[in-house]
């Protein structure tokens, strides 16, 4: 579930191992590139945290973030 906090949408993901986490990140990267909207994220081994907000709109949550979040959810 995405949580809206501090002008961002945030979600944590946990995978079986690093390879699965990295593969997921690669799929997200391809979608983000097509949408020209790139996430902030951190990855440690099998855990990934994604943070979305729109920098060009003053670092707030916009429709672009909500659309990207929906696309990411389709992958998980």
PDB file of N, CA and C in Angstrom:
ATOM      1  N   UNK A   1       0.832  -1.171   0.000  1.00  0.00           N
ATOM      2  CA  UNK A   1       0.000   0.000   0.000  1.00  0.00           C
ATOM      3  C   UNK A   1       0.891   1.254   0.000  1.00  0.00           C
ATOM      4  N   UNK A   2       0.582   2.176  -0.872  1.00  0.00           N
ATOM      5  CA  UNK A   2       1.290   3.450  -0.939  1.00  0.00           C
ATOM      6  C   UNK A   2       0.804   4.336   0.199  1.00  0.00           C
ATOM      7  N   UNK A   3       1.734   5.003   0.853  1.00  0.00           N
ATOM      8  CA  UNK A   3       1.419   5.926   1.920  1.00  0.00           C
ATOM      9  C   UNK A   3       1.822   7.325   1.475  1.00  0.00           C
ATOM     10  N   UNK A   4       0.888   8.263   1.600  1.00  0.00           N
ATOM     11  CA  UNK A   4       1.218   9.651   1.273  1.00  0.00           C
ATOM     12  C   UNK A   4       1.664  10.337   2.555  1.00  0.00           C
ATOM     13  N   UNK A   5       2.925  10.771   2.555  1.00  0.00           N
ATOM     14  CA  UNK A   5       3.513  11.387   3.739  1.00  0.00           C
ATOM     15  C   UNK A   5       4.601  12.347   3.300  1.00  0.00           C
ATOM     16  N   UNK A   6       4.677  13.497   3.933  1.00  0.00           N
ATOM     17  CA  UNK A   6       5.729  14.482   3.649  1.00  0.00           C
ATOM     18  C   UNK A   6       5.800  14.838   2.167  1.00  0.00           C
ATOM     19  N   UNK A   7       4.656  15.086   1.558  1.00  0.00           N
ATOM     20  CA  UNK A   7       4.579  15.456   0.139  1.00  0.00           C
ATOM     21  C   UNK A   7       5.176  14.400  -0.788  1.00  0.00           C
ATOM     22  N   UNK A   8       5.036  13.139  -0.415  1.00  0.00           N
ATOM     23  CA  UNK A   8       5.541  12.035  -1.233  1.00  0.00           C
ATOM     24  C   UNK A   8       4.621  10.829  -1.102  1.00  0.00           C
ATOM     25  N   UNK A   9       4.646   9.988  -2.131  1.00  0.00           N
ATOM     26  CA  UNK A   9       4.047   8.657  -2.045  1.00  0.00           C
ATOM     27  C   UNK A   9       5.179   7.693  -1.750  1.00  0.00           C
ATOM     28  N   UNK A  10       4.991   6.814  -0.769  1.00  0.00           N
ATOM     29  CA  UNK A  10       6.059   5.892  -0.381  1.00  0.00           C
ATOM     30  C   UNK A  10       5.518   4.471  -0.277  1.00  0.00           C
ATOM     31  N   UNK A  11       6.375   3.539  -0.683  1.00  0.00           N
ATOM     32  CA  UNK A  11       6.007   2.128  -0.551  1.00  0.00           C
ATOM     33  C   UNK A  11       7.266   1.301  -0.395  1.00  0.00           C
ATOM     34  N   UNK A  12       7.178   0.283   0.489  1.00  0.00           N
ATOM     35  CA  UNK A  12       8.293  -0.642   0.705  1.00  0.00           C
ATOM     36  C   UNK A  12       7.948  -1.986   0.071  1.00  0.00           C
ATOM     37  N   UNK A  13       8.952  -2.596  -0.507  1.00  0.00           N
ATOM     38  CA  UNK A  13       8.817  -3.901  -1.144  1.00  0.00           C
ATOM     39  C   UNK A  13       9.868  -4.834  -0.556  1.00  0.00           C
ATOM     40  N   UNK A  14       9.532  -6.101  -0.431  1.00  0.00           N
ATOM     41  CA  UNK A  14      10.494  -7.100   0.033  1.00  0.00           C
ATOM     42  C   UNK A  14      10.456  -8.280  -0.931  1.00  0.00           C
ATOM     43  N   UNK A  15      11.624  -8.749  -1.313  1.00  0.00           N
ATOM     44  CA  UNK A  15      11.760  -9.825  -2.292  1.00  0.00           C
ATOM     45  C   UNK A  15      12.514 -10.999  -1.694  1.00  0.00           C
ATOM     46  N   UNK A  16      12.550 -12.088  -2.433  1.00  0.00           N
ATOM     47  CA  UNK A  16      13.224 -13.291  -1.968  1.00  0.00           C
ATOM     48  C   UNK A  16      14.728 -13.071  -1.821  1.00  0.00           C
ATOM     49  N   UNK A  17      15.308 -12.304  -2.746  1.00  0.00           N
ATOM     50  CA  UNK A  17      16.753 -12.069  -2.724  1.00  0.00           C
ATOM     51  C   UNK A  17      17.084 -10.805  -3.520  1.00  0.00           C
ATOM     52  N   UNK A  18      18.364 -10.491  -3.602  1.00  0.00           N
ATOM     53  CA  UNK A  18      18.803  -9.294  -4.308  1.00  0.00           C
ATOM     54  C   UNK A  18      18.468  -9.353  -5.791  1.00  0.00           C
ATOM     55  N   UNK A  19      18.627 -10.517  -6.402  1.00  0.00           N
ATOM     56  CA  UNK A  19      18.350 -10.636  -7.839  1.00  0.00           C
ATOM     57  C   UNK A  19      16.902 -10.285  -8.169  1.00  0.00           C
ATOM     58  N   UNK A  20      15.977 -10.757  -7.351  1.00  0.00           N
ATOM     59  CA  UNK A  20      14.565 -10.434  -7.584  1.00  0.00           C
ATOM     60  C   UNK A  20      14.303  -8.945  -7.381  1.00  0.00           C
ATOM     61  N   UNK A  21      14.916  -8.360  -6.374  1.00  0.00           N
ATOM     62  CA  UNK A  21      14.746  -6.923  -6.127  1.00  0.00           C
ATOM     63  C   UNK A  21      15.292  -6.117  -7.306  1.00  0.00           C
ATOM     64  N   UNK A  22      16.459  -6.497  -7.780  1.00  0.00           N
ATOM     65  CA  UNK A  22      17.082  -5.763  -8.879  1.00  0.00           C
ATOM     66  C   UNK A  22      16.285  -5.923 -10.175  1.00  0.00           C
ATOM     67  N   UNK A  23      15.753  -7.108 -10.411  1.00  0.00           N
ATOM     68  CA  UNK A  23      14.927  -7.333 -11.600  1.00  0.00           C
ATOM     69  C   UNK A  23      13.678  -6.449 -11.554  1.00  0.00           C
ATOM     70  N   UNK A  24      13.072  -6.340 -10.379  1.00  0.00           N
ATOM     71  CA  UNK A  24      11.903  -5.481 -10.220  1.00  0.00           C
ATOM     72  C   UNK A  24      12.279  -4.028 -10.482  1.00  0.00           C
ATOM     73  N   UNK A  25      13.405  -3.600  -9.942  1.00  0.00           N
ATOM     74  CA  UNK A  25      13.867  -2.224 -10.164  1.00  0.00           C
ATOM     75  C   UNK A  25      14.083  -1.954 -11.651  1.00  0.00           C
ATOM     76  N   UNK A  26      14.586  -2.935 -12.361  1.00  0.00           N
ATOM     77  CA  UNK A  26      14.803  -2.776 -13.799  1.00  0.00           C
ATOM     78  C   UNK A  26      13.480  -2.584 -14.522  1.00  0.00           C
ATOM     79  N   UNK A  27      12.474  -3.366 -14.153  1.00  0.00           N
ATOM     80  CA  UNK A  27      11.154  -3.219 -14.778  1.00  0.00           C
ATOM     81  C   UNK A  27      10.551  -1.854 -14.467  1.00  0.00           C
ATOM     82  N   UNK A  28      10.713  -1.399 -13.216  1.00  0.00           N
ATOM     83  CA  UNK A  28      10.224  -0.068 -12.844  1.00  0.00           C
ATOM     84  C   UNK A  28      10.957   1.005 -13.639  1.00  0.00           C
ATOM     85  N   UNK A  29      12.265   0.841 -13.794  1.00  0.00           N
ATOM     86  CA  UNK A  29      13.055   1.837 -14.526  1.00  0.00           C
ATOM     87  C   UNK A  29      12.577   1.986 -15.963  1.00  0.00           C
ATOM     88  N   UNK A  30      12.232   0.897 -16.612  1.00  0.00           N
ATOM     89  CA  UNK A  30      11.747   0.964 -17.988  1.00  0.00           C
ATOM     90  C   UNK A  30      10.428   1.726 -18.084  1.00  0.00           C
ATOM     91  N   UNK A  31       9.530   1.480 -17.138  1.00  0.00           N
ATOM     92  CA  UNK A  31       8.257   2.199 -17.113  1.00  0.00           C
ATOM     93  C   UNK A  31       8.489   3.676 -16.810  1.00  0.00           C
ATOM     94  N   UNK A  32       9.312   3.952 -15.828  1.00  0.00           N
ATOM     95  CA  UNK A  32       9.590   5.342 -15.441  1.00  0.00           C
ATOM     96  C   UNK A  32      10.192   6.124 -16.601  1.00  0.00           C
ATOM     97  N   UNK A  33      11.066   5.486 -17.346  1.00  0.00           N
ATOM     98  CA  UNK A  33      11.692   6.158 -18.490  1.00  0.00           C
ATOM     99  C   UNK A  33      10.652   6.489 -19.556  1.00  0.00           C
ATOM    100  N   UNK A  34       9.742   5.551 -19.822  1.00  0.00           N
ATOM    101  CA  UNK A  34       8.679   5.798 -20.801  1.00  0.00           C
ATOM    102  C   UNK A  34       7.774   6.943 -20.362  1.00  0.00           C
ATOM    103  N   UNK A  35       7.540   7.033 -19.048  1.00  0.00           N
ATOM    104  CA  UNK A  35       6.667   8.071 -18.521  1.00  0.00           C
ATOM    105  C   UNK A  35       7.427   9.380 -18.281  1.00  0.00           C
ATOM    106  N   UNK A  36       8.743   9.344 -18.416  1.00  0.00           N
ATOM    107  CA  UNK A  36       9.607  10.490 -18.121  1.00  0.00           C
ATOM    108  C   UNK A  36       9.327  11.009 -16.712  1.00  0.00           C
ATOM    109  N   UNK A  37       9.249  10.065 -15.785  1.00  0.00           N
ATOM    110  CA  UNK A  37       8.984  10.396 -14.378  1.00  0.00           C
ATOM    111  C   UNK A  37       9.726   9.373 -13.533  1.00  0.00           C
ATOM    112  N   UNK A  38      10.757   9.801 -12.854  1.00  0.00           N
ATOM    113  CA  UNK A  38      11.691   8.863 -12.228  1.00  0.00           C
ATOM    114  C   UNK A  38      11.578   8.868 -10.705  1.00  0.00           C
ATOM    115  N   UNK A  39      11.568   7.672 -10.115  1.00  0.00           N
ATOM    116  CA  UNK A  39      11.417   7.560  -8.666  1.00  0.00           C
ATOM    117  C   UNK A  39      12.726   7.824  -7.927  1.00  0.00           C
ATOM    118  N   UNK A  40      12.577   8.165  -6.668  1.00  0.00           N
ATOM    119  CA  UNK A  40      13.696   8.100  -5.722  1.00  0.00           C
ATOM    120  C   UNK A  40      13.568   6.740  -5.062  1.00  0.00           C
ATOM    121  N   UNK A  41      14.684   6.038  -4.906  1.00  0.00           N
ATOM    122  CA  UNK A  41      14.573   4.737  -4.262  1.00  0.00           C
ATOM    123  C   UNK A  41      15.848   4.360  -3.550  1.00  0.00           C
ATOM    124  N   UNK A  42      15.680   3.454  -2.602  1.00  0.00           N
ATOM    125  CA  UNK A  42      16.824   2.866  -1.910  1.00  0.00           C
ATOM    126  C   UNK A  42      16.643   1.356  -1.947  1.00  0.00           C
ATOM    127  N   UNK A  43      17.750   0.676  -2.081  1.00  0.00           N
ATOM    128  CA  UNK A  43      17.737  -0.778  -2.140  1.00  0.00           C
ATOM    129  C   UNK A  43      18.853  -1.307  -1.251  1.00  0.00           C
ATOM    130  N   UNK A  44      18.483  -2.202  -0.351  1.00  0.00           N
ATOM    131  CA  UNK A  44      19.456  -2.922   0.456  1.00  0.00           C
ATOM    132  C   UNK A  44      19.074  -4.396   0.368  1.00  0.00           C
ATOM    133  N   UNK A  45      19.946  -5.171  -0.278  1.00  0.00           N
ATOM    134  CA  UNK A  45      19.751  -6.603  -0.512  1.00  0.00           C
ATOM    135  C   UNK A  45      18.378  -6.895  -1.102  1.00  0.00           C
ATOM    136  N   UNK A  46      17.429  -7.386  -0.315  1.00  0.00           N
ATOM    137  CA  UNK A  46      16.131  -7.781  -0.871  1.00  0.00           C
ATOM    138  C   UNK A  46      15.021  -6.784  -0.560  1.00  0.00           C
ATOM    139  N   UNK A  47      15.384  -5.629  -0.034  1.00  0.00           N
ATOM    140  CA  UNK A  47      14.386  -4.625   0.314  1.00  0.00           C
ATOM    141  C   UNK A  47      14.540  -3.383  -0.556  1.00  0.00           C
ATOM    142  N   UNK A  48      13.406  -2.849  -0.959  1.00  0.00           N
ATOM    143  CA  UNK A  48      13.369  -1.675  -1.827  1.00  0.00           C
ATOM    144  C   UNK A  48      12.336  -0.711  -1.270  1.00  0.00           C
ATOM    145  N   UNK A  49      12.698   0.555  -1.188  1.00  0.00           N
ATOM    146  CA  UNK A  49      11.740   1.589  -0.819  1.00  0.00           C
ATOM    147  C   UNK A  49      11.692   2.608  -1.941  1.00  0.00           C
ATOM    148  N   UNK A  50      10.485   2.859  -2.436  1.00  0.00           N
ATOM    149  CA  UNK A  50      10.288   3.815  -3.522  1.00  0.00           C
ATOM    150  C   UNK A  50       9.551   5.028  -2.976  1.00  0.00           C
ATOM    151  N   UNK A  51      10.045   6.208  -3.353  1.00  0.00           N
ATOM    152  CA  UNK A  51       9.423   7.474  -2.987  1.00  0.00           C
ATOM    153  C   UNK A  51       9.139   8.241  -4.269  1.00  0.00           C
ATOM    154  N   UNK A  52       7.901   8.695  -4.400  1.00  0.00           N
ATOM    155  CA  UNK A  52       7.486   9.439  -5.589  1.00  0.00           C
ATOM    156  C   UNK A  52       6.999  10.828  -5.207  1.00  0.00           C
ATOM    157  N   UNK A  53       7.479  11.823  -5.921  1.00  0.00           N
ATOM    158  CA  UNK A  53       6.908  13.164  -5.922  1.00  0.00           C
ATOM    159  C   UNK A  53       7.390  13.854  -7.188  1.00  0.00           C
ATOM    160  N   UNK A  54       6.783  14.964  -7.511  1.00  0.00           N
ATOM    161  CA  UNK A  54       7.098  15.639  -8.770  1.00  0.00           C
ATOM    162  C   UNK A  54       7.970  16.851  -8.477  1.00  0.00           C
ATOM    163  N   UNK A  55       9.233  16.730  -8.824  1.00  0.00           N
ATOM    164  CA  UNK A  55      10.203  17.790  -8.543  1.00  0.00           C
ATOM    165  C   UNK A  55       9.835  19.096  -9.244  1.00  0.00           C
ATOM    166  N   UNK A  56       9.383  18.988 -10.490  1.00  0.00           N
ATOM    167  CA  UNK A  56       9.074  20.186 -11.277  1.00  0.00           C
ATOM    168  C   UNK A  56       7.835  20.922 -10.770  1.00  0.00           C
ATOM    169  N   UNK A  57       7.058  20.285  -9.889  1.00  0.00           N
ATOM    170  CA  UNK A  57       5.867  20.917  -9.325  1.00  0.00           C
ATOM    171  C   UNK A  57       6.115  21.376  -7.885  1.00  0.00           C
ATOM    172  N   UNK A  58       7.389  21.392  -7.489  1.00  0.00           N
ATOM    173  CA  UNK A  58       7.714  21.838  -6.134  1.00  0.00           C
ATOM    174  C   UNK A  58       7.778  20.709  -5.127  1.00  0.00           C
ATOM    175  N   UNK A  59       8.135  19.519  -5.595  1.00  0.00           N
ATOM    176  CA  UNK A  59       8.274  18.346  -4.722  1.00  0.00           C
ATOM    177  C   UNK A  59       6.993  18.025  -3.962  1.00  0.00           C
ATOM    178  N   UNK A  60       5.907  17.922  -4.719  1.00  0.00           N
ATOM    179  CA  UNK A  60       4.626  17.515  -4.155  1.00  0.00           C
ATOM    180  C   UNK A  60       4.103  16.314  -4.936  1.00  0.00           C
ATOM    181  N   UNK A  61       3.076  15.678  -4.402  1.00  0.00           N
ATOM    182  CA  UNK A  61       2.444  14.551  -5.084  1.00  0.00           C
ATOM    183  C   UNK A  61       1.490  15.100  -6.140  1.00  0.00           C
ATOM    184  N   UNK A  62       1.668  14.612  -7.369  1.00  0.00           N
ATOM    185  CA  UNK A  62       0.795  15.019  -8.468  1.00  0.00           C
ATOM    186  C   UNK A  62       0.204  13.777  -9.130  1.00  0.00           C
ATOM    187  N   UNK A  63      -0.607  14.017 -10.141  1.00  0.00           N
ATOM    188  CA  UNK A  63      -1.209  12.909 -10.889  1.00  0.00           C
ATOM    189  C   UNK A  63      -0.135  12.019 -11.528  1.00  0.00           C
ATOM    190  N   UNK A  64       0.999  12.606 -11.910  1.00  0.00           N
ATOM    191  CA  UNK A  64       2.091  11.809 -12.489  1.00  0.00           C
ATOM    192  C   UNK A  64       2.562  10.746 -11.498  1.00  0.00           C
ATOM    193  N   UNK A  65       2.649  11.111 -10.228  1.00  0.00           N
ATOM    194  CA  UNK A  65       3.086  10.164  -9.206  1.00  0.00           C
ATOM    195  C   UNK A  65       2.060   9.050  -9.010  1.00  0.00           C
ATOM    196  N   UNK A  66       0.805   9.432  -9.004  1.00  0.00           N
ATOM    197  CA  UNK A  66      -0.255   8.440  -8.815  1.00  0.00           C
ATOM    198  C   UNK A  66      -0.300   7.463  -9.989  1.00  0.00           C
ATOM    199  N   UNK A  67      -0.088   7.959 -11.196  1.00  0.00           N
ATOM    200  CA  UNK A  67      -0.071   7.082 -12.374  1.00  0.00           C
ATOM    201  C   UNK A  67       1.117   6.131 -12.328  1.00  0.00           C
ATOM    202  N   UNK A  68       2.285   6.647 -11.962  1.00  0.00           N
ATOM    203  CA  UNK A  68       3.453   5.779 -11.870  1.00  0.00           C
ATOM    204  C   UNK A  68       3.267   4.742 -10.769  1.00  0.00           C
ATOM    205  N   UNK A  69       2.706   5.132  -9.647  1.00  0.00           N
ATOM    206  CA  UNK A  69       2.447   4.181  -8.559  1.00  0.00           C
ATOM    207  C   UNK A  69       1.535   3.049  -9.037  1.00  0.00           C
ATOM    208  N   UNK A  70       0.512   3.379  -9.802  1.00  0.00           N
ATOM    209  CA  UNK A  70      -0.398   2.343 -10.329  1.00  0.00           C
ATOM    210  C   UNK A  70       0.332   1.393 -11.270  1.00  0.00           C
ATOM    211  N   UNK A  71       1.196   1.932 -12.097  1.00  0.00           N
ATOM    212  CA  UNK A  71       1.971   1.089 -13.011  1.00  0.00           C
ATOM    213  C   UNK A  71       2.926   0.180 -12.238  1.00  0.00           C
ATOM    214  N   UNK A  72       3.545   0.717 -11.199  1.00  0.00           N
ATOM    215  CA  UNK A  72       4.449  -0.100 -10.356  1.00  0.00           C
ATOM    216  C   UNK A  72       3.661  -1.212  -9.703  1.00  0.00           C
ATOM    217  N   UNK A  73       2.471  -0.913  -9.205  1.00  0.00           N
ATOM    218  CA  UNK A  73       1.639  -1.944  -8.559  1.00  0.00           C
ATOM    219  C   UNK A  73       1.291  -3.078  -9.508  1.00  0.00           C
ATOM    220  N   UNK A  74       1.164  -2.780 -10.776  1.00  0.00           N
ATOM    221  CA  UNK A  74       0.856  -3.835 -11.756  1.00  0.00           C
ATOM    222  C   UNK A  74       1.995  -4.837 -11.868  1.00  0.00           C
ATOM    223  N   UNK A  75       3.205  -4.432 -11.505  1.00  0.00           N
ATOM    224  CA  UNK A  75       4.372  -5.314 -11.594  1.00  0.00           C
ATOM    225  C   UNK A  75       4.486  -6.245 -10.390  1.00  0.00           C
ATOM    226  N   UNK A  76       3.918  -5.845  -9.272  1.00  0.00           N
ATOM    227  CA  UNK A  76       4.128  -6.644  -8.048  1.00  0.00           C
ATOM    228  C   UNK A  76       3.028  -7.635  -7.799  1.00  0.00           C
TER     229      UNK A  76
END
